[in-house]
Amino acid sequence: MNTEPETMRAVFARAYGTPQDLEIGDFPKFVAGPGEILINAKALGVAFHDGLQLAGKHQIKHQMPYVPGMEIAGTIAELGDGVEGPPIGTPVMALSKGNAWAEFAKVDASQVWPMPEGVRFVDAAALSMAYSTAHCGLRWEADVQPGEVVLVTGASGAVGQAAVEISKLMGAKVIAVASTDERLAMAAEYGADEGINYTNASVKEAVMELTGGKGVDVAFDPVMGSLFPDVLSSLGWGGRHVIIGFAGGEIPKIPSNRLLIKNRRALGMVMTYYRYTETDKMRETADTLLGWCRDGKIKPPVAKTGPLEKAPEFLTEIMERKLIGRAILEP
């Protein structure tokens, strides 16, 4: 009788570190526990948050060794106790807190959404976190309305690019903010009406010129950092500043008087809230995005695909901001 534990090919870390510290090889195969689902992985996203987790700089921490990765598309392989579906073999998009970059990924059953026919696994993996974050921020927090003006910082990053595309689908005018003309050109391809290169222009002054002095209705901001004062000043009366993250490094203080004087709002948006608390809204977000993808209304910018062995290379390019578009692993 074979008593050897089952293994799978995986990317894993033995300690917090850098992409170069990642190992690729055999790892104990995950088993779906109570309330969990095991997915036969077909496509896995590589993103900035994976690098933060690996460096120990993310709110989600892991016991070592651990398998990084949070964005998954594949088919149902195993249902844990208490899980009634989807049926084995169903194509799904899923999110996890880790445990993704492997031949099999383990997730909480509430974090799995069936894919409609016609959606590629690669596209679903590219959608899962970035587009869900953008949609939740724009739909549920900012409540963007047709005809409003949305300012998007980091507009060529994964979440920023998704916000540009989704804002246009919601009927908004979009002003993209990025660090190079090349990145602004990409944002324009995905629907941005105007672009601001913050390295050679004042964001506030450019916004006021583009809006006739009115300012923007919504600032979708994954960057914050040194751009924050200008972004806040770019908000018009009743403007909503949706804070997605701190890719700019610095975590600035929000001067409450500048919210008061124009009836502005500062809104923090973290996906954990929607994934585990507002599950009905999260399900609607997933269904909406997958439907748009099936209908060709959104097209995730997949720049690179490759086997698990490409994980260190892909993650390094992302953390050094050298990659424009998404990187997807295909086990």
C-alpha atoms as a PDB file:
ATOM      1  CA  MET A   1       0.000   0.000   0.000  1.00  0.00           C
ATOM      2  CA  ASN A   2       1.389   3.408  -0.995  1.00  0.00           C
ATOM      3  CA  THR A   3       1.522   5.679   2.043  1.00  0.00           C
ATOM      4  CA  GLU A   4       3.437   8.496   0.363  1.00  0.00           C
ATOM      5  CA  PRO A   5       1.489  11.792   0.486  1.00  0.00           C
ATOM      6  CA  GLU A   6       0.266  13.111  -2.833  1.00  0.00           C
ATOM      7  CA  THR A   7       2.211  16.014  -4.277  1.00  0.00           C
ATOM      8  CA  MET A   8       1.677  18.633  -6.958  1.00  0.00           C
ATOM      9  CA  ARG A   9       3.854  21.075  -8.842  1.00  0.00           C
ATOM     10  CA  ALA A  10       3.799  24.446  -7.117  1.00  0.00           C
ATOM     11  CA  VAL A  11       5.566  27.747  -6.603  1.00  0.00           C
ATOM     12  CA  PHE A  12       6.319  28.191  -2.905  1.00  0.00           C
ATOM     13  CA  ALA A  13       8.239  30.250  -0.373  1.00  0.00           C
ATOM     14  CA  ARG A  14       9.991  28.930   2.712  1.00  0.00           C
ATOM     15  CA  ALA A  15      10.208  32.412   4.269  1.00  0.00           C
ATOM     16  CA  TYR A  16       9.262  35.998   3.462  1.00  0.00           C
ATOM     17  CA  GLY A  17      11.570  37.447   0.855  1.00  0.00           C
ATOM     18  CA  THR A  18      11.851  38.428  -2.796  1.00  0.00           C
ATOM     19  CA  PRO A  19      10.716  36.815  -6.061  1.00  0.00           C
ATOM     20  CA  GLN A  20      14.208  35.340  -6.430  1.00  0.00           C
ATOM     21  CA  ASP A  21      13.633  33.353  -3.216  1.00  0.00           C
ATOM     22  CA  LEU A  22      10.670  31.470  -4.692  1.00  0.00           C
ATOM     23  CA  GLU A  23      11.069  27.762  -5.363  1.00  0.00           C
ATOM     24  CA  ILE A  24       9.289  25.636  -7.973  1.00  0.00           C
ATOM     25  CA  GLY A  25       8.886  21.929  -7.360  1.00  0.00           C
ATOM     26  CA  ASP A  26       6.857  19.269  -5.604  1.00  0.00           C
ATOM     27  CA  PHE A  27       4.622  20.455  -2.767  1.00  0.00           C
ATOM     28  CA  PRO A  28       2.045  18.556  -0.682  1.00  0.00           C
ATOM     29  CA  LYS A  29      -1.179  18.499  -2.664  1.00  0.00           C
ATOM     30  CA  PHE A  30      -3.947  20.568  -1.131  1.00  0.00           C
ATOM     31  CA  VAL A  31      -7.048  18.808   0.157  1.00  0.00           C
ATOM     32  CA  ALA A  32     -10.418  20.542   0.355  1.00  0.00           C
ATOM     33  CA  GLY A  33     -11.398  20.870   4.007  1.00  0.00           C
ATOM     34  CA  PRO A  34     -14.848  21.715   5.379  1.00  0.00           C
ATOM     35  CA  GLY A  35     -16.319  24.667   3.491  1.00  0.00           C
ATOM     36  CA  GLU A  36     -13.506  24.600   0.916  1.00  0.00           C
ATOM     37  CA  ILE A  37     -13.196  23.806  -2.779  1.00  0.00           C
ATOM     38  CA  LEU A  38     -10.196  22.381  -4.637  1.00  0.00           C
ATOM     39  CA  ILE A  39      -9.725  23.755  -8.138  1.00  0.00           C
ATOM     40  CA  ASN A  40      -7.793  22.173 -10.981  1.00  0.00           C
ATOM     41  CA  ALA A  41      -5.937  25.351 -11.942  1.00  0.00           C
ATOM     42  CA  LYS A  42      -5.822  26.402 -15.585  1.00  0.00           C
ATOM     43  CA  ALA A  43      -4.770  30.069 -15.259  1.00  0.00           C
ATOM     44  CA  LEU A  44      -3.345  32.004 -12.296  1.00  0.00           C
ATOM     45  CA  GLY A  45      -2.819  35.739 -11.967  1.00  0.00           C
ATOM     46  CA  VAL A  46       0.462  37.318 -10.852  1.00  0.00           C
ATOM     47  CA  ALA A  47      -0.019  40.740  -9.272  1.00  0.00           C
ATOM     48  CA  PHE A  48       1.530  43.463  -7.138  1.00  0.00           C
ATOM     49  CA  HIS A  49      -0.253  42.254  -4.002  1.00  0.00           C
ATOM     50  CA  ASP A  50       1.502  38.880  -4.383  1.00  0.00           C
ATOM     51  CA  GLY A  51       4.854  40.647  -4.091  1.00  0.00           C
ATOM     52  CA  LEU A  52       3.696  42.537  -1.007  1.00  0.00           C
ATOM     53  CA  GLN A  53       2.596  39.279   0.638  1.00  0.00           C
ATOM     54  CA  LEU A  54       5.886  37.620  -0.244  1.00  0.00           C
ATOM     55  CA  ALA A  55       7.780  40.522   1.323  1.00  0.00           C
ATOM     56  CA  GLY A  56       5.654  40.366   4.480  1.00  0.00           C
ATOM     57  CA  LYS A  57       4.273  43.838   3.774  1.00  0.00           C
ATOM     58  CA  HIS A  58       0.636  42.852   3.240  1.00  0.00           C
ATOM     59  CA  GLN A  59      -2.193  42.579   5.783  1.00  0.00           C
ATOM     60  CA  ILE A  60      -2.564  38.890   4.888  1.00  0.00           C
ATOM     61  CA  LYS A  61       0.171  36.819   6.556  1.00  0.00           C
ATOM     62  CA  HIS A  62       1.100  33.167   6.006  1.00  0.00           C
ATOM     63  CA  GLN A  63       2.604  30.248   7.862  1.00  0.00           C
ATOM     64  CA  MET A  64       5.668  28.915   6.058  1.00  0.00           C
ATOM     65  CA  PRO A  65       6.119  27.318   3.666  1.00  0.00           C
ATOM     66  CA  TYR A  66       3.289  28.803   1.632  1.00  0.00           C
ATOM     67  CA  VAL A  67       2.109  28.937  -1.962  1.00  0.00           C
ATOM     68  CA  PRO A  68       1.525  32.530  -3.166  1.00  0.00           C
ATOM     69  CA  GLY A  69      -1.185  33.695  -5.537  1.00  0.00           C
ATOM     70  CA  MET A  70      -4.769  34.879  -5.136  1.00  0.00           C
ATOM     71  CA  GLU A  71      -6.303  34.891  -8.645  1.00  0.00           C
ATOM     72  CA  ILE A  72      -7.560  31.621 -10.074  1.00  0.00           C
ATOM     73  CA  ALA A  73      -9.469  30.174 -12.996  1.00  0.00           C
ATOM     74  CA  GLY A  74      -9.959  26.463 -13.507  1.00  0.00           C
ATOM     75  CA  THR A  75     -12.377  23.604 -12.976  1.00  0.00           C
ATOM     76  CA  ILE A  76     -13.857  22.167  -9.789  1.00  0.00           C
ATOM     77  CA  ALA A  77     -11.782  19.160  -8.680  1.00  0.00           C
ATOM     78  CA  GLU A  78     -13.065  18.435  -5.171  1.00  0.00           C
ATOM     79  CA  LEU A  79     -15.738  19.696  -2.772  1.00  0.00           C
ATOM     80  CA  GLY A  80     -15.057  19.780   0.956  1.00  0.00           C
ATOM     81  CA  ASP A  81     -17.539  18.721   3.627  1.00  0.00           C
ATOM     82  CA  GLY A  82     -20.644  20.885   3.684  1.00  0.00           C
ATOM     83  CA  VAL A  83     -20.116  22.229   0.156  1.00  0.00           C
ATOM     84  CA  GLU A  84     -22.956  21.371  -2.227  1.00  0.00           C
ATOM     85  CA  GLY A  85     -21.617  22.779  -5.495  1.00  0.00           C
ATOM     86  CA  PRO A  86     -20.739  23.724  -8.162  1.00  0.00           C
ATOM     87  CA  PRO A  87     -20.504  20.230  -9.669  1.00  0.00           C
ATOM     88  CA  ILE A  88     -17.125  18.615 -10.300  1.00  0.00           C
ATOM     89  CA  GLY A  89     -15.706  19.836 -13.608  1.00  0.00           C
ATOM     90  CA  THR A  90     -17.488  23.214 -13.598  1.00  0.00           C
ATOM     91  CA  PRO A  91     -15.321  26.054 -14.987  1.00  0.00           C
ATOM     92  CA  VAL A  92     -14.965  28.741 -12.311  1.00  0.00           C
ATOM     93  CA  MET A  93     -13.274  32.017 -11.426  1.00  0.00           C
ATOM     94  CA  ALA A  94     -12.064  32.219  -7.832  1.00  0.00           C
ATOM     95  CA  LEU A  95     -10.138  34.284  -5.306  1.00  0.00           C
ATOM     96  CA  SER A  96      -8.041  33.107  -2.380  1.00  0.00           C
ATOM     97  CA  LYS A  97      -5.802  34.509   0.340  1.00  0.00           C
ATOM     98  CA  GLY A  98      -2.946  32.417  -1.050  1.00  0.00           C
ATOM     99  CA  ASN A  99      -2.621  28.778  -2.135  1.00  0.00           C
ATOM    100  CA  ALA A 100      -2.980  29.519  -5.859  1.00  0.00           C
ATOM    101  CA  TRP A 101       0.284  29.136  -7.829  1.00  0.00           C
ATOM    102  CA  ALA A 102       0.095  25.381  -8.213  1.00  0.00           C
ATOM    103  CA  GLU A 103      -1.537  22.651 -10.253  1.00  0.00           C
ATOM    104  CA  PHE A 104      -4.354  22.690  -7.702  1.00  0.00           C
ATOM    105  CA  ALA A 105      -5.622  25.692  -5.751  1.00  0.00           C
ATOM    106  CA  LYS A 106      -7.604  25.612  -2.498  1.00  0.00           C
ATOM    107  CA  VAL A 107     -10.222  28.286  -1.793  1.00  0.00           C
ATOM    108  CA  ASP A 108     -13.121  29.103   0.484  1.00  0.00           C
ATOM    109  CA  ALA A 109     -16.365  27.960  -1.153  1.00  0.00           C
ATOM    110  CA  SER A 110     -17.801  31.477  -0.946  1.00  0.00           C
ATOM    111  CA  GLN A 111     -15.005  32.744  -3.204  1.00  0.00           C
ATOM    112  CA  VAL A 112     -15.915  30.708  -6.290  1.00  0.00           C
ATOM    113  CA  TRP A 113     -18.108  31.914  -9.189  1.00  0.00           C
ATOM    114  CA  PRO A 114     -19.111  29.760 -12.205  1.00  0.00           C
ATOM    115  CA  MET A 115     -17.862  31.018 -15.572  1.00  0.00           C
ATOM    116  CA  PRO A 116     -20.279  31.408 -18.480  1.00  0.00           C
ATOM    117  CA  GLU A 117     -19.513  29.621 -21.708  1.00  0.00           C
ATOM    118  CA  GLY A 118     -17.261  31.662 -23.977  1.00  0.00           C
ATOM    119  CA  VAL A 119     -14.921  33.090 -21.315  1.00  0.00           C
ATOM    120  CA  ARG A 120     -11.289  31.952 -21.506  1.00  0.00           C
ATOM    121  CA  PHE A 121      -9.527  30.778 -18.341  1.00  0.00           C
ATOM    122  CA  VAL A 122      -6.720  33.285 -18.977  1.00  0.00           C
ATOM    123  CA  ASP A 123      -9.186  36.176 -19.127  1.00  0.00           C
ATOM    124  CA  ALA A 124     -11.064  35.023 -16.016  1.00  0.00           C
ATOM    125  CA  ALA A 125      -7.819  34.886 -14.007  1.00  0.00           C
ATOM    126  CA  ALA A 126      -6.916  38.376 -15.218  1.00  0.00           C
ATOM    127  CA  LEU A 127     -10.383  39.642 -14.244  1.00  0.00           C
ATOM    128  CA  SER A 128     -10.690  38.121 -10.810  1.00  0.00           C
ATOM    129  CA  MET A 129      -8.958  40.534  -8.428  1.00  0.00           C
ATOM    130  CA  ALA A 130      -8.151  43.638 -10.480  1.00  0.00           C
ATOM    131  CA  TYR A 131     -11.521  44.038 -12.176  1.00  0.00           C
ATOM    132  CA  SER A 132     -13.445  43.015  -9.066  1.00  0.00           C
ATOM    133  CA  THR A 133     -11.598  45.652  -7.046  1.00  0.00           C
ATOM    134  CA  ALA A 134     -12.311  48.304  -9.665  1.00  0.00           C
ATOM    135  CA  HIS A 135     -15.982  47.364 -10.015  1.00  0.00           C
ATOM    136  CA  CYS A 136     -16.609  47.276  -6.253  1.00  0.00           C
ATOM    137  CA  GLY A 137     -14.921  50.656  -5.820  1.00  0.00           C
ATOM    138  CA  LEU A 138     -16.790  52.309  -8.688  1.00  0.00           C
ATOM    139  CA  ARG A 139     -20.177  50.610  -8.315  1.00  0.00           C
ATOM    140  CA  TRP A 140     -20.675  50.020  -4.612  1.00  0.00           C
ATOM    141  CA  GLU A 141     -18.533  52.764  -3.037  1.00  0.00           C
ATOM    142  CA  ALA A 142     -18.464  55.677  -5.508  1.00  0.00           C
ATOM    143  CA  ASP A 143     -21.854  54.873  -7.110  1.00  0.00           C
ATOM    144  CA  VAL A 144     -20.642  56.305 -10.423  1.00  0.00           C
ATOM    145  CA  GLN A 145     -23.453  57.702 -12.564  1.00  0.00           C
ATOM    146  CA  PRO A 146     -23.602  58.232 -16.342  1.00  0.00           C
ATOM    147  CA  GLY A 147     -22.128  61.593 -17.320  1.00  0.00           C
ATOM    148  CA  GLU A 148     -19.913  61.937 -14.239  1.00  0.00           C
ATOM    149  CA  VAL A 149     -16.166  62.522 -14.513  1.00  0.00           C
ATOM    150  CA  VAL A 150     -13.848  59.905 -12.997  1.00  0.00           C
ATOM    151  CA  LEU A 151     -10.141  60.507 -12.335  1.00  0.00           C
ATOM    152  CA  VAL A 152      -8.075  57.288 -12.239  1.00  0.00           C
ATOM    153  CA  THR A 153      -4.544  57.272 -10.831  1.00  0.00           C
ATOM    154  CA  GLY A 154      -2.132  54.487 -11.762  1.00  0.00           C
ATOM    155  CA  ALA A 155      -4.258  54.144 -14.885  1.00  0.00           C
ATOM    156  CA  SER A 156      -1.983  51.620 -16.609  1.00  0.00           C
ATOM    157  CA  GLY A 157      -1.654  49.345 -13.586  1.00  0.00           C
ATOM    158  CA  ALA A 158      -3.847  46.263 -13.285  1.00  0.00           C
ATOM    159  CA  VAL A 159      -6.513  47.856 -11.076  1.00  0.00           C
ATOM    160  CA  GLY A 160      -6.261  51.326 -12.627  1.00  0.00           C
ATOM    161  CA  GLN A 161      -6.635  50.020 -16.179  1.00  0.00           C
ATOM    162  CA  ALA A 162      -9.671  48.000 -15.103  1.00  0.00           C
ATOM    163  CA  ALA A 163     -11.142  51.132 -13.511  1.00  0.00           C
ATOM    164  CA  VAL A 164     -10.704  53.056 -16.770  1.00  0.00           C
ATOM    165  CA  GLU A 165     -12.505  50.361 -18.743  1.00  0.00           C
ATOM    166  CA  ILE A 166     -15.324  49.891 -16.229  1.00  0.00           C
ATOM    167  CA  SER A 167     -15.872  53.639 -15.759  1.00  0.00           C
ATOM    168  CA  LYS A 168     -16.474  53.971 -19.499  1.00  0.00           C
ATOM    169  CA  LEU A 169     -18.953  51.089 -19.433  1.00  0.00           C
ATOM    170  CA  MET A 170     -20.774  52.906 -16.619  1.00  0.00           C
ATOM    171  CA  GLY A 171     -21.123  55.977 -18.838  1.00  0.00           C
ATOM    172  CA  ALA A 172     -18.496  58.198 -17.229  1.00  0.00           C
ATOM    173  CA  LYS A 173     -15.902  60.494 -18.756  1.00  0.00           C
ATOM    174  CA  VAL A 174     -12.450  59.258 -17.704  1.00  0.00           C
ATOM    175  CA  ILE A 175      -9.282  61.215 -16.986  1.00  0.00           C
ATOM    176  CA  ALA A 176      -6.274  58.886 -16.664  1.00  0.00           C
ATOM    177  CA  VAL A 177      -3.192  59.707 -14.588  1.00  0.00           C
ATOM    178  CA  ALA A 178       0.095  57.873 -15.233  1.00  0.00           C
ATOM    179  CA  SER A 179       3.855  58.380 -15.226  1.00  0.00           C
ATOM    180  CA  THR A 180       4.644  58.113 -18.953  1.00  0.00           C
ATOM    181  CA  ASP A 181       3.044  58.903 -22.277  1.00  0.00           C
ATOM    182  CA  GLU A 182       3.307  55.196 -23.170  1.00  0.00           C
ATOM    183  CA  ARG A 183       1.189  54.270 -20.159  1.00  0.00           C
ATOM    184  CA  LEU A 184      -1.325  56.999 -20.962  1.00  0.00           C
ATOM    185  CA  ALA A 185      -1.579  55.642 -24.508  1.00  0.00           C
ATOM    186  CA  MET A 186      -2.538  52.259 -23.074  1.00  0.00           C
ATOM    187  CA  ALA A 187      -5.167  53.886 -20.875  1.00  0.00           C
ATOM    188  CA  ALA A 188      -6.555  55.621 -23.958  1.00  0.00           C
ATOM    189  CA  GLU A 189      -6.851  52.260 -25.714  1.00  0.00           C
ATOM    190  CA  TYR A 190      -9.078  51.107 -22.858  1.00  0.00           C
ATOM    191  CA  GLY A 191     -11.336  54.149 -22.951  1.00  0.00           C
ATOM    192  CA  ALA A 192      -9.664  57.084 -21.203  1.00  0.00           C
ATOM    193  CA  ASP A 193     -10.917  60.370 -22.684  1.00  0.00           C
ATOM    194  CA  GLU A 194      -8.014  62.459 -21.377  1.00  0.00           C
ATOM    195  CA  GLY A 195      -4.607  61.769 -19.891  1.00  0.00           C
ATOM    196  CA  ILE A 196      -2.310  63.524 -17.423  1.00  0.00           C
ATOM    197  CA  ASN A 197       1.401  62.707 -17.193  1.00  0.00           C
ATOM    198  CA  TYR A 198       2.046  63.632 -13.566  1.00  0.00           C
ATOM    199  CA  THR A 199       5.819  63.817 -14.091  1.00  0.00           C
ATOM    200  CA  ASN A 200       5.518  66.980 -16.180  1.00  0.00           C
ATOM    201  CA  ALA A 201       2.152  68.458 -15.212  1.00  0.00           C
ATOM    202  CA  SER A 202       0.191  69.385 -12.100  1.00  0.00           C
ATOM    203  CA  VAL A 203      -2.711  66.968 -11.711  1.00  0.00           C
ATOM    204  CA  LYS A 204      -4.894  69.618 -10.083  1.00  0.00           C
ATOM    205  CA  GLU A 205      -4.208  72.281 -12.724  1.00  0.00           C
ATOM    206  CA  ALA A 206      -4.722  69.830 -15.581  1.00  0.00           C
ATOM    207  CA  VAL A 207      -7.993  68.561 -14.096  1.00  0.00           C
ATOM    208  CA  MET A 208      -9.348  72.070 -13.637  1.00  0.00           C
ATOM    209  CA  GLU A 209      -8.466  72.920 -17.223  1.00  0.00           C
ATOM    210  CA  LEU A 210     -10.104  69.738 -18.536  1.00  0.00           C
ATOM    211  CA  THR A 211     -13.273  70.222 -16.470  1.00  0.00           C
ATOM    212  CA  GLY A 212     -13.725  73.970 -16.863  1.00  0.00           C
ATOM    213  CA  GLY A 213     -12.839  74.523 -13.214  1.00  0.00           C
ATOM    214  CA  LYS A 214     -15.505  72.152 -11.863  1.00  0.00           C
ATOM    215  CA  GLY A 215     -13.252  69.298 -10.792  1.00  0.00           C
ATOM    216  CA  VAL A 216     -14.040  65.595 -10.981  1.00  0.00           C
ATOM    217  CA  ASP A 217     -16.920  63.714  -9.405  1.00  0.00           C
ATOM    218  CA  VAL A 218     -14.890  60.640  -8.429  1.00  0.00           C
ATOM    219  CA  ALA A 219     -11.203  59.952  -7.844  1.00  0.00           C
ATOM    220  CA  PHE A 220     -10.380  56.247  -8.032  1.00  0.00           C
ATOM    221  CA  ASP A 221      -6.997  56.094  -6.313  1.00  0.00           C
ATOM    222  CA  PRO A 222      -4.779  53.001  -6.000  1.00  0.00           C
ATOM    223  CA  VAL A 223      -1.687  55.202  -5.651  1.00  0.00           C
ATOM    224  CA  MET A 224      -2.123  57.885  -2.922  1.00  0.00           C
ATOM    225  CA  GLY A 225       1.442  58.834  -1.898  1.00  0.00           C
ATOM    226  CA  SER A 226       2.756  62.179  -3.119  1.00  0.00           C
ATOM    227  CA  LEU A 227      -0.084  62.520  -5.636  1.00  0.00           C
ATOM    228  CA  PHE A 228      -2.722  62.645  -2.914  1.00  0.00           C
ATOM    229  CA  PRO A 229      -2.850  66.426  -2.242  1.00  0.00           C
ATOM    230  CA  ASP A 230      -3.395  67.180  -5.936  1.00  0.00           C
ATOM    231  CA  VAL A 231      -5.928  64.384  -6.329  1.00  0.00           C
ATOM    232  CA  LEU A 232      -7.945  65.601  -3.351  1.00  0.00           C
ATOM    233  CA  SER A 233      -7.863  69.156  -4.695  1.00  0.00           C
ATOM    234  CA  SER A 234      -9.125  67.862  -8.031  1.00  0.00           C
ATOM    235  CA  LEU A 235     -12.462  66.814  -6.520  1.00  0.00           C
ATOM    236  CA  GLY A 236     -15.396  69.074  -7.195  1.00  0.00           C
ATOM    237  CA  TRP A 237     -18.447  69.674  -5.001  1.00  0.00           C
ATOM    238  CA  GLY A 238     -19.724  66.382  -3.574  1.00  0.00           C
ATOM    239  CA  GLY A 239     -16.693  64.528  -4.950  1.00  0.00           C
ATOM    240  CA  ARG A 240     -15.905  61.017  -3.766  1.00  0.00           C
ATOM    241  CA  HIS A 241     -12.306  59.902  -3.238  1.00  0.00           C
ATOM    242  CA  VAL A 242     -12.131  56.092  -3.300  1.00  0.00           C
ATOM    243  CA  ILE A 243      -8.894  54.910  -1.683  1.00  0.00           C
ATOM    244  CA  ILE A 244      -7.881  51.526  -3.087  1.00  0.00           C
ATOM    245  CA  GLY A 245      -4.271  51.238  -1.932  1.00  0.00           C
ATOM    246  CA  PHE A 246      -0.891  52.865  -1.452  1.00  0.00           C
ATOM    247  CA  ALA A 247       1.180  51.893  -4.483  1.00  0.00           C
ATOM    248  CA  GLY A 248       2.887  55.277  -4.161  1.00  0.00           C
ATOM    249  CA  GLY A 249       4.482  54.066  -0.930  1.00  0.00           C
ATOM    250  CA  GLU A 250       3.574  56.942   1.377  1.00  0.00           C
ATOM    251  CA  ILE A 251       0.377  56.765   3.476  1.00  0.00           C
ATOM    252  CA  PRO A 252      -0.727  60.394   3.712  1.00  0.00           C
ATOM    253  CA  LYS A 253      -3.011  61.950   6.311  1.00  0.00           C
ATOM    254  CA  ILE A 254      -6.370  63.226   5.079  1.00  0.00           C
ATOM    255  CA  PRO A 255      -7.070  66.861   6.062  1.00  0.00           C
ATOM    256  CA  SER A 256     -10.692  66.721   7.170  1.00  0.00           C
ATOM    257  CA  ASN A 257     -11.244  70.446   6.561  1.00  0.00           C
ATOM    258  CA  ARG A 258     -10.697  69.880   2.829  1.00  0.00           C
ATOM    259  CA  LEU A 259     -13.445  67.277   2.848  1.00  0.00           C
ATOM    260  CA  LEU A 260     -15.773  69.627   4.691  1.00  0.00           C
ATOM    261  CA  ILE A 261     -15.436  72.725   2.522  1.00  0.00           C
ATOM    262  CA  LYS A 262     -16.741  71.054  -0.638  1.00  0.00           C
ATOM    263  CA  ASN A 263     -18.873  68.307   0.900  1.00  0.00           C
ATOM    264  CA  ARG A 264     -16.371  65.703  -0.289  1.00  0.00           C
ATOM    265  CA  ARG A 265     -16.141  62.123   0.913  1.00  0.00           C
ATOM    266  CA  ALA A 266     -13.118  59.878   1.492  1.00  0.00           C
ATOM    267  CA  LEU A 267     -14.004  56.209   1.071  1.00  0.00           C
ATOM    268  CA  GLY A 268     -11.756  53.286   1.919  1.00  0.00           C
ATOM    269  CA  MET A 269     -12.343  50.183  -0.209  1.00  0.00           C
ATOM    270  CA  VAL A 270     -10.897  46.776   0.626  1.00  0.00           C
ATOM    271  CA  MET A 271     -11.943  43.635  -1.233  1.00  0.00           C
ATOM    272  CA  THR A 272     -12.030  41.564   1.954  1.00  0.00           C
ATOM    273  CA  TYR A 273     -15.203  43.418   2.992  1.00  0.00           C
ATOM    274  CA  TYR A 274     -17.074  42.521  -0.182  1.00  0.00           C
ATOM    275  CA  ARG A 275     -15.669  38.995  -0.444  1.00  0.00           C
ATOM    276  CA  TYR A 276     -16.606  37.923   3.076  1.00  0.00           C
ATOM    277  CA  THR A 277     -19.281  40.364   4.285  1.00  0.00           C
ATOM    278  CA  GLU A 278     -21.168  41.744   1.274  1.00  0.00           C
ATOM    279  CA  THR A 279     -21.227  38.411  -0.554  1.00  0.00           C
ATOM    280  CA  ASP A 280     -24.379  39.207  -2.558  1.00  0.00           C
ATOM    281  CA  LYS A 281     -22.759  42.354  -3.960  1.00  0.00           C
ATOM    282  CA  MET A 282     -19.574  40.424  -4.663  1.00  0.00           C
ATOM    283  CA  ARG A 283     -21.553  37.780  -6.537  1.00  0.00           C
ATOM    284  CA  GLU A 284     -23.230  40.492  -8.598  1.00  0.00           C
ATOM    285  CA  THR A 285     -19.818  42.009  -9.339  1.00  0.00           C
ATOM    286  CA  ALA A 286     -18.418  38.641 -10.480  1.00  0.00           C
ATOM    287  CA  ASP A 287     -21.474  37.884 -12.619  1.00  0.00           C
ATOM    288  CA  THR A 288     -21.380  41.348 -14.185  1.00  0.00           C
ATOM    289  CA  LEU A 289     -17.688  41.141 -15.051  1.00  0.00           C
ATOM    290  CA  LEU A 290     -17.877  37.624 -16.462  1.00  0.00           C
ATOM    291  CA  GLY A 291     -20.919  38.637 -18.528  1.00  0.00           C
ATOM    292  CA  TRP A 292     -19.124  41.692 -19.904  1.00  0.00           C
ATOM    293  CA  CYS A 293     -16.118  39.503 -20.748  1.00  0.00           C
ATOM    294  CA  ARG A 294     -18.309  36.927 -22.518  1.00  0.00           C
ATOM    295  CA  ASP A 295     -19.974  39.708 -24.522  1.00  0.00           C
ATOM    296  CA  GLY A 296     -16.642  41.290 -25.490  1.00  0.00           C
ATOM    297  CA  LYS A 297     -17.327  44.514 -23.580  1.00  0.00           C
ATOM    298  CA  ILE A 298     -14.145  44.170 -21.521  1.00  0.00           C
ATOM    299  CA  LYS A 299     -10.846  42.629 -22.541  1.00  0.00           C
ATOM    300  CA  PRO A 300      -8.196  42.151 -19.840  1.00  0.00           C
ATOM    301  CA  PRO A 301      -4.765  43.202 -21.142  1.00  0.00           C
ATOM    302  CA  VAL A 302      -2.844  39.947 -20.832  1.00  0.00           C
ATOM    303  CA  ALA A 303       0.769  40.797 -21.672  1.00  0.00           C
ATOM    304  CA  LYS A 304       2.498  37.530 -20.771  1.00  0.00           C
ATOM    305  CA  THR A 305       1.614  33.912 -20.120  1.00  0.00           C
ATOM    306  CA  GLY A 306       3.885  31.079 -19.094  1.00  0.00           C
ATOM    307  CA  PRO A 307       4.374  27.990 -16.904  1.00  0.00           C
ATOM    308  CA  LEU A 308       4.824  28.034 -13.129  1.00  0.00           C
ATOM    309  CA  GLU A 309       8.581  28.419 -13.644  1.00  0.00           C
ATOM    310  CA  LYS A 310       7.951  31.961 -14.899  1.00  0.00           C
ATOM    311  CA  ALA A 311       6.552  33.148 -11.550  1.00  0.00           C
ATOM    312  CA  PRO A 312       9.791  34.744 -10.225  1.00  0.00           C
ATOM    313  CA  GLU A 313      10.397  36.540 -13.535  1.00  0.00           C
ATOM    314  CA  PHE A 314       6.825  37.793 -13.885  1.00  0.00           C
ATOM    315  CA  LEU A 315       6.620  38.954 -10.260  1.00  0.00           C
ATOM    316  CA  THR A 316       9.966  40.776 -10.501  1.00  0.00           C
ATOM    317  CA  GLU A 317       8.803  42.721 -13.572  1.00  0.00           C
ATOM    318  CA  ILE A 318       5.567  43.655 -11.804  1.00  0.00           C
ATOM    319  CA  MET A 319       7.247  44.798  -8.588  1.00  0.00           C
ATOM    320  CA  GLU A 320       9.753  46.858 -10.599  1.00  0.00           C
ATOM    321  CA  ARG A 321       6.858  48.320 -12.626  1.00  0.00           C
ATOM    322  CA  LYS A 322       8.386  47.145 -15.883  1.00  0.00           C
ATOM    323  CA  LEU A 323       5.362  45.197 -17.089  1.00  0.00           C
ATOM    324  CA  ILE A 324       2.380  46.911 -18.670  1.00  0.00           C
ATOM    325  CA  GLY A 325      -0.552  44.500 -18.677  1.00  0.00           C
ATOM    326  CA  ARG A 326      -1.251  41.264 -16.812  1.00  0.00           C
ATOM    327  CA  ALA A 327       0.963  38.230 -16.353  1.00  0.00           C
ATOM    328  CA  ILE A 328      -0.740  34.832 -16.129  1.00  0.00           C
ATOM    329  CA  LEU A 329       0.682  31.461 -15.134  1.00  0.00           C
ATOM    330  CA  GLU A 330      -0.689  28.363 -16.877  1.00  0.00           C
ATOM    331  CA  PRO A 331       0.238  25.226 -14.832  1.00  0.00           C
END
